[in-house]
Amino acid sequence: MGAGARIYLLNIPIRRIQNWFPALKISDFRISSPIEGKYNCFAWAATQAQQLTQLTAQLTDRLTSLEKFQYEGVGKSGGMRDIWGWIIGAGVTVIAAAAFLIPHLK
């Protein structure tokens, strides 16, 4: 095949294909079929469907692990920090109740 035939094989410039896919510059490749809109459209749709399926699976896995992490964290508290909060809250409630009731009992 001459140089002119290699540049425009099946109306696709080889250099353009090599620019789109730089890894092809180091390998020997050939165009095996002409451009066909229907095939390319179906191939693109199949690729998109496969990528969407993979993305959905990845998102589902991440969401599942997040839900598991949140579920395992339910019921776990801050320990002593929470107890001190309840103690201080109870003390303030007693003081407030006493401040309200003492003047009314006299």
Foldseek 3Di string as FASTA:
>chain_A
DDPVCQQQPLNDGPVVVCVVPVVCVVDDDDDDDHDDVVVVVVVVVVVVVVVVVVVVVVVVVVVVVVVVVVVVCPPDDPPPVVVVVVVVVVVVVVVVVCVVVVVVVD
